[in-house]
Amino acid sequence: MPPNEFIQGAGACLATTNVMSGRGQVRWMVREESQDPADNGWRIMSHIDDEAYLKSDGCWQIVDYNDVCALEPALIEMWPLPVGSDLQLVRDEAGTRILDTTNGRQVIPEPPRSGPIRRTRPAAPGPHPYEIAKREDAIASETCSAFATVPGWDMALVSATFSGGAAPTTRCLLFTVGDGEPDLERWFGTGVLPPGLPLVAEPPLPQELVNHIAAHRDAMPDGQGRMWSTMLYAVQRQDSFYFFACRYR
């Protein structure tokens, strides 16, 4: 079996260039009617793909489905799902899951069905991943708009920390990265900034943006009803790239 052949006869699919280049993370998956005997019908999109991008030249690539699975192994189990499937991949404290976009129901891994489910109190409602993605997209766009007149920056790193009932502590750093791809993993994990990034400005966040971040927090308790205490997000201005990470106490 070839190195990337997770599924024999998996066929070809369409994936966006953002997915295959690694610039965007796999987020949206739909299965359409096959357009060719080799086409399995899957269409794979990243979290940064918007409607304009999906209609642009060079957006889509015909690729072996196994090659996409090599980038995102969570798609291996998804392959046999039927035409009409409309899915999204979610990563959070509960792990990696694939949900039905239309109703938020978890599809993979399939929830356990054996045995009775007993609760001593109602479970806290969890946030709908599609609504989370829409709010994060709006916050990222608002961040770019807020500092559109500041020259020379192409990446914003923003943090917001909530403590008790006090107003959140926020920080926004604008950097120039050019064609570089700074390693942000350490910053998301520990809050330590990547070394060597040229700082352009450290403007305050507009109060309206702070209010939207607070409203986003209020709308997304976890499965136990907890609110996150700190949110970190990065916005890359030119490529409309953004990524959010939350920390719970």
Protein backbone atom coordinates (compact mmCIF):
# COMPACT_ATOMS: atom_id res chain seq x y z
CA MET A 1 0.00 0.00 0.00
CA PRO A 2 1.44 3.45 -0.90
CA PRO A 3 2.41 5.64 2.12
CA ASN A 4 -0.68 7.86 1.89
CA GLU A 5 -3.23 5.21 0.91
CA PHE A 6 -5.40 5.15 4.01
CA ILE A 7 -8.45 4.10 1.95
CA GLN A 8 -8.13 1.86 -1.09
CA GLY A 9 -10.00 3.27 -4.07
CA ALA A 10 -10.84 6.49 -2.22
CA GLY A 11 -10.99 8.43 -5.48
CA ALA A 12 -10.34 12.08 -6.16
CA CYS A 13 -11.96 15.09 -4.53
CA LEU A 14 -11.81 18.87 -4.74
CA ALA A 15 -9.87 20.73 -2.06
CA THR A 16 -9.03 24.41 -1.88
CA THR A 17 -5.50 25.65 -2.36
CA ASN A 18 -5.59 27.01 1.21
CA VAL A 19 -6.13 23.44 2.48
CA MET A 20 -3.44 21.84 0.35
CA SER A 21 -0.84 24.55 1.02
CA GLY A 22 -1.42 24.35 4.78
CA ARG A 23 -2.30 28.03 4.99
CA GLY A 24 -5.77 27.19 6.25
CA GLN A 25 -7.00 24.42 8.52
CA VAL A 26 -9.59 21.95 7.25
CA ARG A 27 -12.98 23.20 8.49
CA TRP A 28 -15.84 22.61 6.01
CA MET A 29 -16.66 19.42 4.06
CA VAL A 30 -19.60 18.74 1.75
CA ARG A 31 -20.32 15.75 -0.48
CA GLU A 32 -21.93 16.45 -3.84
CA GLU A 33 -22.98 14.24 -6.71
CA SER A 34 -19.95 12.85 -8.52
CA GLN A 35 -18.97 14.74 -11.67
CA ASP A 36 -16.68 12.01 -13.01
CA PRO A 37 -16.08 8.28 -12.37
CA ALA A 38 -12.93 9.16 -10.41
CA ASP A 39 -14.67 11.91 -8.43
CA ASN A 40 -15.93 10.80 -5.00
CA GLY A 41 -17.92 14.02 -4.57
CA TRP A 42 -16.15 15.41 -1.50
CA ARG A 43 -15.36 19.14 -1.42
CA ILE A 44 -12.90 20.16 1.30
CA MET A 45 -12.53 23.78 2.43
CA SER A 46 -10.46 25.60 5.04
CA HIS A 47 -11.48 27.89 7.87
CA ILE A 48 -10.28 30.97 5.95
CA ASP A 49 -12.15 30.27 2.71
CA ASP A 50 -14.90 32.82 2.12
CA GLU A 51 -17.47 32.97 -0.68
CA ALA A 52 -15.36 35.28 -2.86
CA TYR A 53 -12.33 33.02 -2.54
CA LEU A 54 -14.31 29.89 -3.40
CA LYS A 55 -15.38 31.53 -6.67
CA SER A 56 -11.91 32.77 -7.59
CA ASP A 57 -9.56 31.31 -10.17
CA GLY A 58 -7.07 28.85 -8.75
CA CYS A 59 -9.09 28.18 -5.62
CA TRP A 60 -9.88 24.51 -6.28
CA GLN A 61 -7.49 21.62 -6.88
CA ILE A 62 -8.30 18.06 -7.96
CA VAL A 63 -6.45 15.87 -5.48
CA ASP A 64 -6.38 12.29 -4.26
CA TYR A 65 -8.65 12.02 -1.22
CA ASN A 66 -5.88 10.13 0.59
CA ASP A 67 -3.59 13.14 0.20
CA VAL A 68 -6.09 15.29 2.06
CA CYS A 69 -6.34 12.61 4.77
CA ALA A 70 -2.56 12.83 5.15
CA LEU A 71 -3.03 16.50 6.04
CA GLU A 72 -6.10 15.90 8.23
CA PRO A 73 -6.51 12.29 9.44
CA ALA A 74 -9.95 13.05 10.88
CA LEU A 75 -11.28 12.84 7.31
CA ILE A 76 -10.53 9.12 7.00
CA GLU A 77 -13.68 8.09 8.88
CA MET A 78 -15.75 10.63 6.96
CA TRP A 79 -15.17 9.08 3.53
CA PRO A 80 -18.19 6.67 3.38
CA LEU A 81 -20.79 9.26 4.44
CA PRO A 82 -23.50 9.83 1.82
CA VAL A 83 -24.00 12.48 -0.85
CA GLY A 84 -25.63 15.52 0.73
CA SER A 85 -23.43 15.45 3.83
CA ASP A 86 -22.66 19.00 5.02
CA LEU A 87 -20.04 18.86 7.74
CA GLN A 88 -17.51 20.83 9.74
CA LEU A 89 -14.45 19.84 11.70
CA VAL A 90 -14.15 21.23 15.22
CA ARG A 91 -11.27 21.15 17.68
CA ASP A 92 -11.78 22.22 21.28
CA GLU A 93 -11.36 20.91 24.83
CA ALA A 94 -13.57 17.94 23.97
CA GLY A 95 -11.16 16.85 21.22
CA THR A 96 -11.49 16.61 17.44
CA ARG A 97 -15.00 16.00 16.12
CA ILE A 98 -16.94 16.22 12.87
CA LEU A 99 -20.37 17.81 13.17
CA ASP A 100 -23.37 18.10 10.89
CA THR A 101 -23.38 21.80 9.96
CA THR A 102 -27.16 21.89 9.54
CA ASN A 103 -28.02 20.85 13.09
CA GLY A 104 -24.78 20.74 15.11
CA ARG A 105 -25.11 16.98 15.73
CA GLN A 106 -21.86 15.10 16.23
CA VAL A 107 -21.26 12.63 13.40
CA ILE A 108 -17.67 11.44 14.02
CA PRO A 109 -16.80 9.93 16.36
CA GLU A 110 -20.31 8.57 16.70
CA PRO A 111 -21.67 9.29 20.19
CA PRO A 112 -22.10 6.16 22.35
CA ARG A 113 -25.61 4.77 22.32
CA SER A 114 -25.40 1.83 24.72
CA GLY A 115 -26.63 2.09 28.28
CA PRO A 116 -28.91 4.64 29.92
CA ILE A 117 -27.85 8.27 30.27
CA ARG A 118 -28.42 9.63 33.77
CA ARG A 119 -27.91 13.24 34.80
CA THR A 120 -28.42 14.81 38.22
CA ARG A 121 -29.01 18.21 36.60
CA PRO A 122 -29.56 19.48 33.06
CA ALA A 123 -26.43 19.61 30.97
CA ALA A 124 -25.17 23.07 30.14
CA PRO A 125 -25.89 23.93 26.53
CA GLY A 126 -22.80 23.95 24.38
CA PRO A 127 -22.14 26.53 21.68
CA HIS A 128 -23.01 25.78 18.07
CA PRO A 129 -19.70 25.57 16.16
CA TYR A 130 -21.14 27.29 13.08
CA GLU A 131 -22.22 30.29 15.15
CA ILE A 132 -18.79 30.40 16.82
CA ALA A 133 -17.10 30.49 13.42
CA LYS A 134 -19.36 33.32 12.23
CA ARG A 135 -18.66 35.44 15.32
CA GLU A 136 -14.91 34.83 15.08
CA ASP A 137 -14.94 35.82 11.41
CA ALA A 138 -16.76 39.04 12.33
CA ILE A 139 -14.27 39.83 15.12
CA ALA A 140 -11.31 39.22 12.80
CA SER A 141 -12.81 41.49 10.12
CA GLU A 142 -13.61 44.16 12.69
CA THR A 143 -10.02 44.04 13.97
CA CYS A 144 -8.68 44.70 10.46
CA SER A 145 -11.14 47.55 9.95
CA ALA A 146 -10.35 49.14 13.33
CA PHE A 147 -6.69 49.61 12.43
CA ALA A 148 -7.02 50.10 8.68
CA THR A 149 -5.44 53.56 8.92
CA VAL A 150 -2.36 52.34 10.80
CA PRO A 151 0.37 51.94 8.17
CA GLY A 152 2.86 49.12 7.85
CA TRP A 153 1.25 46.25 9.75
CA ASP A 154 0.09 42.93 8.35
CA MET A 155 -0.45 40.82 11.48
CA ALA A 156 -2.35 41.58 14.68
CA LEU A 157 -1.97 39.54 17.86
CA VAL A 158 -4.79 40.22 20.31
CA SER A 159 -5.46 38.95 23.83
CA ALA A 160 -8.46 39.48 26.10
CA THR A 161 -8.53 38.27 29.71
CA PHE A 162 -11.64 38.26 31.88
CA SER A 163 -11.50 38.13 35.68
CA GLY A 164 -14.65 38.14 37.78
CA GLY A 165 -16.98 40.98 36.93
CA ALA A 166 -14.23 43.46 36.10
CA ALA A 167 -13.72 44.89 32.64
CA PRO A 168 -11.51 42.63 30.51
CA THR A 169 -7.80 43.31 30.15
CA THR A 170 -6.95 43.56 26.47
CA ARG A 171 -3.80 43.98 24.42
CA CYS A 172 -3.31 44.44 20.69
CA LEU A 173 0.08 44.28 18.99
CA LEU A 174 0.50 45.10 15.32
CA PHE A 175 3.50 43.60 13.53
CA THR A 176 4.97 43.49 10.06
CA VAL A 177 5.86 39.98 8.91
CA GLY A 178 6.09 40.44 5.14
CA ASP A 179 6.38 37.09 3.40
CA GLY A 180 7.46 35.34 6.60
CA GLU A 181 5.36 32.81 8.49
CA PRO A 182 6.02 33.36 12.20
CA ASP A 183 5.60 30.40 14.52
CA LEU A 184 2.61 31.35 16.65
CA GLU A 185 2.23 28.01 18.41
CA ARG A 186 4.22 29.14 21.46
CA TRP A 187 2.22 32.35 21.75
CA PHE A 188 -1.08 30.50 21.63
CA GLY A 189 0.19 27.98 24.16
CA THR A 190 1.99 30.22 26.66
CA GLY A 191 1.40 33.85 25.67
CA VAL A 192 5.10 34.34 24.86
CA LEU A 193 5.50 36.37 21.69
CA PRO A 194 7.44 34.93 18.74
CA PRO A 195 10.97 36.38 18.64
CA GLY A 196 12.08 38.78 15.96
CA LEU A 197 8.71 40.20 14.91
CA PRO A 198 9.04 43.93 14.08
CA LEU A 199 6.47 45.80 16.20
CA VAL A 200 4.58 48.53 14.35
CA ALA A 201 2.13 49.75 16.99
CA GLU A 202 0.29 48.81 20.19
CA PRO A 203 -3.07 50.54 19.87
CA PRO A 204 -5.96 50.11 22.32
CA LEU A 205 -8.86 48.00 21.16
CA PRO A 206 -11.97 50.06 20.37
CA GLN A 207 -14.63 49.62 23.04
CA GLU A 208 -17.14 48.30 20.51
CA LEU A 209 -14.72 45.52 19.55
CA VAL A 210 -14.14 44.71 23.23
CA ASN A 211 -17.91 44.50 23.67
CA HIS A 212 -18.17 42.05 20.76
CA ILE A 213 -15.42 39.87 22.23
CA ALA A 214 -17.26 39.86 25.57
CA ALA A 215 -20.53 38.93 23.86
CA HIS A 216 -18.72 36.12 22.02
CA ARG A 217 -17.49 34.81 25.38
CA ASP A 218 -20.96 34.94 26.93
CA ALA A 219 -22.36 32.91 24.01
CA MET A 220 -19.89 30.01 24.21
CA PRO A 221 -19.80 28.23 27.57
CA ASP A 222 -18.26 24.77 27.43
CA GLY A 223 -20.10 21.54 28.19
CA GLN A 224 -19.90 22.23 31.94
CA GLY A 225 -21.15 25.80 31.58
CA ARG A 226 -17.71 27.35 32.15
CA MET A 227 -16.63 30.53 30.42
CA TRP A 228 -13.15 30.88 29.00
CA SER A 229 -10.90 33.25 30.93
CA THR A 230 -8.51 34.29 28.13
CA MET A 231 -8.83 34.47 24.38
CA LEU A 232 -5.87 34.88 22.06
CA TYR A 233 -6.33 35.47 18.36
CA ALA A 234 -4.14 36.29 15.39
CA VAL A 235 -5.27 38.10 12.26
CA GLN A 236 -3.12 38.26 9.14
CA ARG A 237 -4.36 41.26 7.22
CA GLN A 238 -3.35 40.53 3.64
CA ASP A 239 -4.47 36.90 3.43
CA SER A 240 -7.56 37.26 5.65
CA PHE A 241 -6.10 34.52 7.83
CA TYR A 242 -7.18 34.28 11.45
CA PHE A 243 -6.96 31.80 14.29
CA PHE A 244 -8.56 31.84 17.75
CA ALA A 245 -7.60 29.94 20.92
CA CYS A 246 -9.36 30.03 24.30
CA ARG A 247 -8.09 29.11 27.74
CA TYR A 248 -10.33 28.06 30.59
CA ARG A 249 -9.35 28.47 34.23
